[in-house]
Amino acid sequence: MNELDKKLNEYYGGKVVRKDLTKSIKEGANVPSYVLEYLLGMYCATDDEENIENGKTMVKHVLADNFVRPDEDEKD
C-alpha cells in the first residue's frame, strides 16, 4: 500500500473503498454497486490484509442474508 493510500485510510477511515474488492465481490453478487461499496467501506476500510479478508467474509454474509437472488424470487 502506498503512502497516499495509508493517509486516506488514516484520515477517512470507513469511507475509502477499494474498487478491486468491489469488482471481485460484484461478480458473484447481484446487488447495486453503491450497496456493495457501502458495505466494503464499513468492513474493509483498512490496510491490514487479515481484517480485509474478515471484512470480505462479513460482506458476503450480509449479502447472502439480506438479498434475494433472481432464481429465489418465489422462495418463501
PDB file of N, CA and C in Angstrom:
ATOM      1  N   MET A   1       0.862  -1.172   0.000  1.00  0.00           N
ATOM      2  CA  MET A   1       0.000   0.000   0.000  1.00  0.00           C
ATOM      3  C   MET A   1       0.906   1.232   0.000  1.00  0.00           C
ATOM      4  N   ASN A   2       0.626   2.164  -0.909  1.00  0.00           N
ATOM      5  CA  ASN A   2       1.488   3.333  -0.994  1.00  0.00           C
ATOM      6  C   ASN A   2       1.135   4.366   0.084  1.00  0.00           C
ATOM      7  N   GLU A   3       1.933   5.386   0.173  1.00  0.00           N
ATOM      8  CA  GLU A   3       1.785   6.398   1.229  1.00  0.00           C
ATOM      9  C   GLU A   3       0.441   7.131   1.153  1.00  0.00           C
ATOM     10  N   LEU A   4      -0.010   7.442  -0.057  1.00  0.00           N
ATOM     11  CA  LEU A   4      -1.294   8.127  -0.228  1.00  0.00           C
ATOM     12  C   LEU A   4      -2.447   7.270   0.297  1.00  0.00           C
ATOM     13  N   ASP A   5      -2.423   5.976  -0.028  1.00  0.00           N
ATOM     14  CA  ASP A   5      -3.471   5.073   0.455  1.00  0.00           C
ATOM     15  C   ASP A   5      -3.470   4.999   1.981  1.00  0.00           C
ATOM     16  N   LYS A   6      -2.301   4.977   2.581  1.00  0.00           N
ATOM     17  CA  LYS A   6      -2.201   4.938   4.046  1.00  0.00           C
ATOM     18  C   LYS A   6      -2.803   6.197   4.666  1.00  0.00           C
ATOM     19  N   LYS A   7      -2.510   7.346   4.068  1.00  0.00           N
ATOM     20  CA  LYS A   7      -3.056   8.600   4.590  1.00  0.00           C
ATOM     21  C   LYS A   7      -4.571   8.663   4.422  1.00  0.00           C
ATOM     22  N   LEU A   8      -5.060   8.193   3.282  1.00  0.00           N
ATOM     23  CA  LEU A   8      -6.507   8.175   3.062  1.00  0.00           C
ATOM     24  C   LEU A   8      -7.208   7.309   4.106  1.00  0.00           C
ATOM     25  N   ASN A   9      -6.652   6.130   4.382  1.00  0.00           N
ATOM     26  CA  ASN A   9      -7.246   5.257   5.397  1.00  0.00           C
ATOM     27  C   ASN A   9      -7.152   5.866   6.787  1.00  0.00           C
ATOM     28  N   GLU A  10      -6.071   6.599   7.040  1.00  0.00           N
ATOM     29  CA  GLU A  10      -5.898   7.223   8.355  1.00  0.00           C
ATOM     30  C   GLU A  10      -6.916   8.343   8.576  1.00  0.00           C
ATOM     31  N   TYR A  11      -7.088   9.210   7.590  1.00  0.00           N
ATOM     32  CA  TYR A  11      -7.943  10.378   7.764  1.00  0.00           C
ATOM     33  C   TYR A  11      -9.405  10.154   7.369  1.00  0.00           C
ATOM     34  N   TYR A  12      -9.654   9.191   6.507  1.00  0.00           N
ATOM     35  CA  TYR A  12     -11.012   8.938   6.035  1.00  0.00           C
ATOM     36  C   TYR A  12     -11.417   7.482   6.283  1.00  0.00           C
ATOM     37  N   GLY A  13     -11.104   6.982   7.462  1.00  0.00           N
ATOM     38  CA  GLY A  13     -11.438   5.609   7.812  1.00  0.00           C
ATOM     39  C   GLY A  13     -12.930   5.346   7.670  1.00  0.00           C
ATOM     40  N   GLY A  14     -13.286   4.224   7.056  1.00  0.00           N
ATOM     41  CA  GLY A  14     -14.675   3.869   6.846  1.00  0.00           C
ATOM     42  C   GLY A  14     -15.305   4.482   5.619  1.00  0.00           C
ATOM     43  N   LYS A  15     -14.558   5.319   4.918  1.00  0.00           N
ATOM     44  CA  LYS A  15     -15.099   5.978   3.728  1.00  0.00           C
ATOM     45  C   LYS A  15     -14.310   5.649   2.465  1.00  0.00           C
ATOM     46  N   VAL A  16     -13.210   4.945   2.614  1.00  0.00           N
ATOM     47  CA  VAL A  16     -12.371   4.595   1.476  1.00  0.00           C
ATOM     48  C   VAL A  16     -12.807   3.238   0.947  1.00  0.00           C
ATOM     49  N   VAL A  17     -13.042   3.160  -0.352  1.00  0.00           N
ATOM     50  CA  VAL A  17     -13.481   1.909  -0.970  1.00  0.00           C
ATOM     51  C   VAL A  17     -12.434   1.460  -1.974  1.00  0.00           C
ATOM     52  N   ARG A  18     -11.994   0.235  -1.812  1.00  0.00           N
ATOM     53  CA  ARG A  18     -11.068  -0.342  -2.782  1.00  0.00           C
ATOM     54  C   ARG A  18     -11.872  -0.943  -3.926  1.00  0.00           C
ATOM     55  N   LYS A  19     -11.724  -0.372  -5.089  1.00  0.00           N
ATOM     56  CA  LYS A  19     -12.505  -0.806  -6.250  1.00  0.00           C
ATOM     57  C   LYS A  19     -12.147  -2.225  -6.677  1.00  0.00           C
ATOM     58  N   ASP A  20     -10.928  -2.678  -6.400  1.00  0.00           N
ATOM     59  CA  ASP A  20     -10.586  -4.049  -6.744  1.00  0.00           C
ATOM     60  C   ASP A  20     -11.406  -5.046  -5.932  1.00  0.00           C
ATOM     61  N   LEU A  21     -11.698  -4.711  -4.682  1.00  0.00           N
ATOM     62  CA  LEU A  21     -12.556  -5.573  -3.870  1.00  0.00           C
ATOM     63  C   LEU A  21     -13.986  -5.539  -4.377  1.00  0.00           C
ATOM     64  N   THR A  22     -14.431  -4.369  -4.797  1.00  0.00           N
ATOM     65  CA  THR A  22     -15.782  -4.240  -5.338  1.00  0.00           C
ATOM     66  C   THR A  22     -15.952  -5.150  -6.548  1.00  0.00           C
ATOM     67  N   LYS A  23     -14.974  -5.133  -7.422  1.00  0.00           N
ATOM     68  CA  LYS A  23     -15.055  -5.946  -8.631  1.00  0.00           C
ATOM     69  C   LYS A  23     -15.031  -7.433  -8.306  1.00  0.00           C
ATOM     70  N   SER A  24     -14.194  -7.841  -7.356  1.00  0.00           N
ATOM     71  CA  SER A  24     -14.091  -9.269  -7.049  1.00  0.00           C
ATOM     72  C   SER A  24     -15.367  -9.816  -6.416  1.00  0.00           C
ATOM     73  N   ILE A  25     -16.052  -9.035  -5.606  1.00  0.00           N
ATOM     74  CA  ILE A  25     -17.282  -9.496  -4.960  1.00  0.00           C
ATOM     75  C   ILE A  25     -18.481  -9.303  -5.878  1.00  0.00           C
ATOM     76  N   LYS A  26     -18.466  -8.273  -6.692  1.00  0.00           N
ATOM     77  CA  LYS A  26     -19.593  -7.963  -7.586  1.00  0.00           C
ATOM     78  C   LYS A  26     -19.866  -9.096  -8.569  1.00  0.00           C
ATOM     79  N   GLU A  27     -18.834  -9.817  -8.968  1.00  0.00           N
ATOM     80  CA  GLU A  27     -19.006 -10.892  -9.940  1.00  0.00           C
ATOM     81  C   GLU A  27     -19.963 -11.964  -9.437  1.00  0.00           C
ATOM     82  N   GLY A  28     -20.015 -12.190  -8.129  1.00  0.00           N
ATOM     83  CA  GLY A  28     -20.891 -13.219  -7.590  1.00  0.00           C
ATOM     84  C   GLY A  28     -22.154 -12.687  -6.951  1.00  0.00           C
ATOM     85  N   ALA A  29     -22.308 -11.379  -6.897  1.00  0.00           N
ATOM     86  CA  ALA A  29     -23.462 -10.798  -6.208  1.00  0.00           C
ATOM     87  C   ALA A  29     -24.289  -9.959  -7.167  1.00  0.00           C
ATOM     88  N   ASN A  30     -25.595 -10.063  -7.042  1.00  0.00           N
ATOM     89  CA  ASN A  30     -26.498  -9.288  -7.881  1.00  0.00           C
ATOM     90  C   ASN A  30     -27.053  -8.128  -7.054  1.00  0.00           C
ATOM     91  N   VAL A  31     -26.187  -7.201  -6.702  1.00  0.00           N
ATOM     92  CA  VAL A  31     -26.571  -6.036  -5.900  1.00  0.00           C
ATOM     93  C   VAL A  31     -26.038  -4.782  -6.577  1.00  0.00           C
ATOM     94  N   PRO A  32     -26.658  -3.650  -6.313  1.00  0.00           N
ATOM     95  CA  PRO A  32     -26.128  -2.399  -6.868  1.00  0.00           C
ATOM     96  C   PRO A  32     -24.721  -2.109  -6.336  1.00  0.00           C
ATOM     97  N   SER A  33     -23.910  -1.505  -7.152  1.00  0.00           N
ATOM     98  CA  SER A  33     -22.529  -1.209  -6.761  1.00  0.00           C
ATOM     99  C   SER A  33     -22.452  -0.325  -5.528  1.00  0.00           C
ATOM    100  N   TYR A  34     -23.382   0.642  -5.394  1.00  0.00           N
ATOM    101  CA  TYR A  34     -23.307   1.541  -4.253  1.00  0.00           C
ATOM    102  C   TYR A  34     -23.558   0.809  -2.936  1.00  0.00           C
ATOM    103  N   VAL A  35     -24.379  -0.244  -2.965  1.00  0.00           N
ATOM    104  CA  VAL A  35     -24.610  -1.043  -1.755  1.00  0.00           C
ATOM    105  C   VAL A  35     -23.338  -1.797  -1.404  1.00  0.00           C
ATOM    106  N   LEU A  36     -22.737  -2.405  -2.387  1.00  0.00           N
ATOM    107  CA  LEU A  36     -21.508  -3.149  -2.177  1.00  0.00           C
ATOM    108  C   LEU A  36     -20.388  -2.238  -1.695  1.00  0.00           C
ATOM    109  N   GLU A  37     -20.264  -1.053  -2.279  1.00  0.00           N
ATOM    110  CA  GLU A  37     -19.230  -0.114  -1.865  1.00  0.00           C
ATOM    111  C   GLU A  37     -19.461   0.378  -0.438  1.00  0.00           C
ATOM    112  N   TYR A  38     -20.714   0.586  -0.054  1.00  0.00           N
ATOM    113  CA  TYR A  38     -21.030   0.988   1.313  1.00  0.00           C
ATOM    114  C   TYR A  38     -20.591  -0.096   2.301  1.00  0.00           C
ATOM    115  N   LEU A  39     -20.932  -1.345   2.002  1.00  0.00           N
ATOM    116  CA  LEU A  39     -20.557  -2.444   2.881  1.00  0.00           C
ATOM    117  C   LEU A  39     -19.044  -2.614   2.954  1.00  0.00           C
ATOM    118  N   LEU A  40     -18.368  -2.502   1.826  1.00  0.00           N
ATOM    119  CA  LEU A  40     -16.903  -2.607   1.832  1.00  0.00           C
ATOM    120  C   LEU A  40     -16.272  -1.456   2.612  1.00  0.00           C
ATOM    121  N   GLY A  41     -16.854  -0.269   2.525  1.00  0.00           N
ATOM    122  CA  GLY A  41     -16.360   0.852   3.315  1.00  0.00           C
ATOM    123  C   GLY A  41     -16.523   0.610   4.802  1.00  0.00           C
ATOM    124  N   MET A  42     -17.595  -0.061   5.175  1.00  0.00           N
ATOM    125  CA  MET A  42     -17.832  -0.363   6.590  1.00  0.00           C
ATOM    126  C   MET A  42     -16.887  -1.435   7.116  1.00  0.00           C
ATOM    127  N   TYR A  43     -16.669  -2.487   6.336  1.00  0.00           N
ATOM    128  CA  TYR A  43     -15.962  -3.662   6.841  1.00  0.00           C
ATOM    129  C   TYR A  43     -14.535  -3.830   6.334  1.00  0.00           C
ATOM    130  N   CYS A  44     -14.151  -3.140   5.268  1.00  0.00           N
ATOM    131  CA  CYS A  44     -12.835  -3.386   4.666  1.00  0.00           C
ATOM    132  C   CYS A  44     -11.982  -2.136   4.511  1.00  0.00           C
ATOM    133  N   ALA A  45     -12.298  -1.073   5.213  1.00  0.00           N
ATOM    134  CA  ALA A  45     -11.531   0.169   5.072  1.00  0.00           C
ATOM    135  C   ALA A  45     -10.323   0.139   6.006  1.00  0.00           C
ATOM    136  N   THR A  46      -9.343  -0.667   5.636  1.00  0.00           N
ATOM    137  CA  THR A  46      -8.122  -0.804   6.412  1.00  0.00           C
ATOM    138  C   THR A  46      -7.005  -1.249   5.484  1.00  0.00           C
ATOM    139  N   ASP A  47      -5.788  -1.246   5.986  1.00  0.00           N
ATOM    140  CA  ASP A  47      -4.674  -1.736   5.183  1.00  0.00           C
ATOM    141  C   ASP A  47      -4.168  -3.088   5.692  1.00  0.00           C
ATOM    142  N   ASP A  48      -4.806  -3.635   6.709  1.00  0.00           N
ATOM    143  CA  ASP A  48      -4.444  -4.930   7.267  1.00  0.00           C
ATOM    144  C   ASP A  48      -5.133  -6.037   6.467  1.00  0.00           C
ATOM    145  N   GLU A  49      -4.343  -6.898   5.826  1.00  0.00           N
ATOM    146  CA  GLU A  49      -4.891  -7.923   4.935  1.00  0.00           C
ATOM    147  C   GLU A  49      -5.805  -8.909   5.671  1.00  0.00           C
ATOM    148  N   GLU A  50      -5.485  -9.234   6.904  1.00  0.00           N
ATOM    149  CA  GLU A  50      -6.330 -10.161   7.668  1.00  0.00           C
ATOM    150  C   GLU A  50      -7.707  -9.542   7.922  1.00  0.00           C
ATOM    151  N   ASN A  51      -7.726  -8.261   8.288  1.00  0.00           N
ATOM    152  CA  ASN A  51      -9.006  -7.579   8.500  1.00  0.00           C
ATOM    153  C   ASN A  51      -9.791  -7.428   7.207  1.00  0.00           C
ATOM    154  N   ILE A  52      -9.102  -7.243   6.108  1.00  0.00           N
ATOM    155  CA  ILE A  52      -9.773  -7.135   4.815  1.00  0.00           C
ATOM    156  C   ILE A  52     -10.446  -8.465   4.467  1.00  0.00           C
ATOM    157  N   GLU A  53      -9.752  -9.573   4.688  1.00  0.00           N
ATOM    158  CA  GLU A  53     -10.338 -10.883   4.412  1.00  0.00           C
ATOM    159  C   GLU A  53     -11.545 -11.143   5.310  1.00  0.00           C
ATOM    160  N   ASN A  54     -11.423 -10.789   6.591  1.00  0.00           N
ATOM    161  CA  ASN A  54     -12.561 -10.927   7.512  1.00  0.00           C
ATOM    162  C   ASN A  54     -13.719 -10.038   7.080  1.00  0.00           C
ATOM    163  N   GLY A  55     -13.407  -8.834   6.626  1.00  0.00           N
ATOM    164  CA  GLY A  55     -14.427  -7.913   6.152  1.00  0.00           C
ATOM    165  C   GLY A  55     -15.127  -8.427   4.907  1.00  0.00           C
ATOM    166  N   LYS A  56     -14.370  -9.006   3.977  1.00  0.00           N
ATOM    167  CA  LYS A  56     -14.972  -9.575   2.769  1.00  0.00           C
ATOM    168  C   LYS A  56     -15.920 -10.709   3.133  1.00  0.00           C
ATOM    169  N   THR A  57     -15.524 -11.521   4.095  1.00  0.00           N
ATOM    170  CA  THR A  57     -16.391 -12.604   4.552  1.00  0.00           C
ATOM    171  C   THR A  57     -17.671 -12.040   5.144  1.00  0.00           C
ATOM    172  N   MET A  58     -17.537 -10.986   5.944  1.00  0.00           N
ATOM    173  CA  MET A  58     -18.706 -10.358   6.563  1.00  0.00           C
ATOM    174  C   MET A  58     -19.637  -9.764   5.495  1.00  0.00           C
ATOM    175  N   VAL A  59     -19.075  -9.111   4.494  1.00  0.00           N
ATOM    176  CA  VAL A  59     -19.876  -8.535   3.408  1.00  0.00           C
ATOM    177  C   VAL A  59     -20.640  -9.639   2.680  1.00  0.00           C
ATOM    178  N   LYS A  60     -19.973 -10.747   2.415  1.00  0.00           N
ATOM    179  CA  LYS A  60     -20.635 -11.859   1.726  1.00  0.00           C
ATOM    180  C   LYS A  60     -21.773 -12.427   2.563  1.00  0.00           C
ATOM    181  N   HIS A  61     -21.577 -12.501   3.885  1.00  0.00           N
ATOM    182  CA  HIS A  61     -22.650 -12.981   4.764  1.00  0.00           C
ATOM    183  C   HIS A  61     -23.833 -12.014   4.772  1.00  0.00           C
ATOM    184  N   VAL A  62     -23.552 -10.733   4.833  1.00  0.00           N
ATOM    185  CA  VAL A  62     -24.627  -9.729   4.817  1.00  0.00           C
ATOM    186  C   VAL A  62     -25.418  -9.825   3.521  1.00  0.00           C
ATOM    187  N   LEU A  63     -24.722  -9.951   2.416  1.00  0.00           N
ATOM    188  CA  LEU A  63     -25.397 -10.065   1.122  1.00  0.00           C
ATOM    189  C   LEU A  63     -26.218 -11.347   1.040  1.00  0.00           C
ATOM    190  N   ALA A  64     -25.660 -12.452   1.519  1.00  0.00           N
ATOM    191  CA  ALA A  64     -26.384 -13.727   1.457  1.00  0.00           C
ATOM    192  C   ALA A  64     -27.631 -13.702   2.329  1.00  0.00           C
ATOM    193  N   ASP A  65     -27.559 -13.018   3.473  1.00  0.00           N
ATOM    194  CA  ASP A  65     -28.697 -12.982   4.394  1.00  0.00           C
ATOM    195  C   ASP A  65     -29.774 -11.978   3.998  1.00  0.00           C
ATOM    196  N   ASN A  66     -29.422 -10.948   3.231  1.00  0.00           N
ATOM    197  CA  ASN A  66     -30.348  -9.848   3.014  1.00  0.00           C
ATOM    198  C   ASN A  66     -30.779  -9.605   1.577  1.00  0.00           C
ATOM    199  N   PHE A  67     -30.156 -10.251   0.615  1.00  0.00           N
ATOM    200  CA  PHE A  67     -30.520 -10.028  -0.776  1.00  0.00           C
ATOM    201  C   PHE A  67     -31.006 -11.311  -1.407  1.00  0.00           C
ATOM    202  N   VAL A  68     -32.089 -11.208  -2.168  1.00  0.00           N
ATOM    203  CA  VAL A  68     -32.675 -12.362  -2.841  1.00  0.00           C
ATOM    204  C   VAL A  68     -32.083 -12.458  -4.241  1.00  0.00           C
ATOM    205  N   ARG A  69     -31.611 -13.641  -4.575  1.00  0.00           N
ATOM    206  CA  ARG A  69     -31.107 -13.870  -5.924  1.00  0.00           C
ATOM    207  C   ARG A  69     -32.287 -13.987  -6.881  1.00  0.00           C
ATOM    208  N   PRO A  70     -32.091 -13.675  -8.158  1.00  0.00           N
ATOM    209  CA  PRO A  70     -33.209 -13.755  -9.119  1.00  0.00           C
ATOM    210  C   PRO A  70     -33.841 -15.152  -9.197  1.00  0.00           C
ATOM    211  N   ASP A  71     -33.059 -16.200  -9.007  1.00  0.00           N
ATOM    212  CA  ASP A  71     -33.622 -17.543  -9.074  1.00  0.00           C
ATOM    213  C   ASP A  71     -34.363 -17.932  -7.789  1.00  0.00           C
ATOM    214  N   GLU A  72     -34.311 -17.088  -6.768  1.00  0.00           N
ATOM    215  CA  GLU A  72     -35.008 -17.353  -5.496  1.00  0.00           C
ATOM    216  C   GLU A  72     -36.181 -16.421  -5.259  1.00  0.00           C
ATOM    217  N   ASP A  73     -36.636 -15.720  -6.286  1.00  0.00           N
ATOM    218  CA  ASP A  73     -37.673 -14.710  -6.094  1.00  0.00           C
ATOM    219  C   ASP A  73     -39.013 -15.286  -5.664  1.00  0.00           C
ATOM    220  N   GLU A  74     -39.258 -16.556  -5.893  1.00  0.00           N
ATOM    221  CA  GLU A  74     -40.521 -17.180  -5.485  1.00  0.00           C
ATOM    222  C   GLU A  74     -40.392 -17.918  -4.148  1.00  0.00           C
ATOM    223  N   LYS A  75     -39.206 -17.899  -3.580  1.00  0.00           N
ATOM    224  CA  LYS A  75     -38.940 -18.631  -2.351  1.00  0.00           C
ATOM    225  C   LYS A  75     -39.561 -17.926  -1.151  1.00  0.00           C
ATOM    226  N   ASP A  76     -40.126 -18.686  -0.217  1.00  0.00           N
ATOM    227  CA  ASP A  76     -40.719 -18.094   0.989  1.00  0.00           C
ATOM    228  C   ASP A  76     -39.694 -17.869   2.059  1.00  0.00           C
TER     229      ASP A  76
END
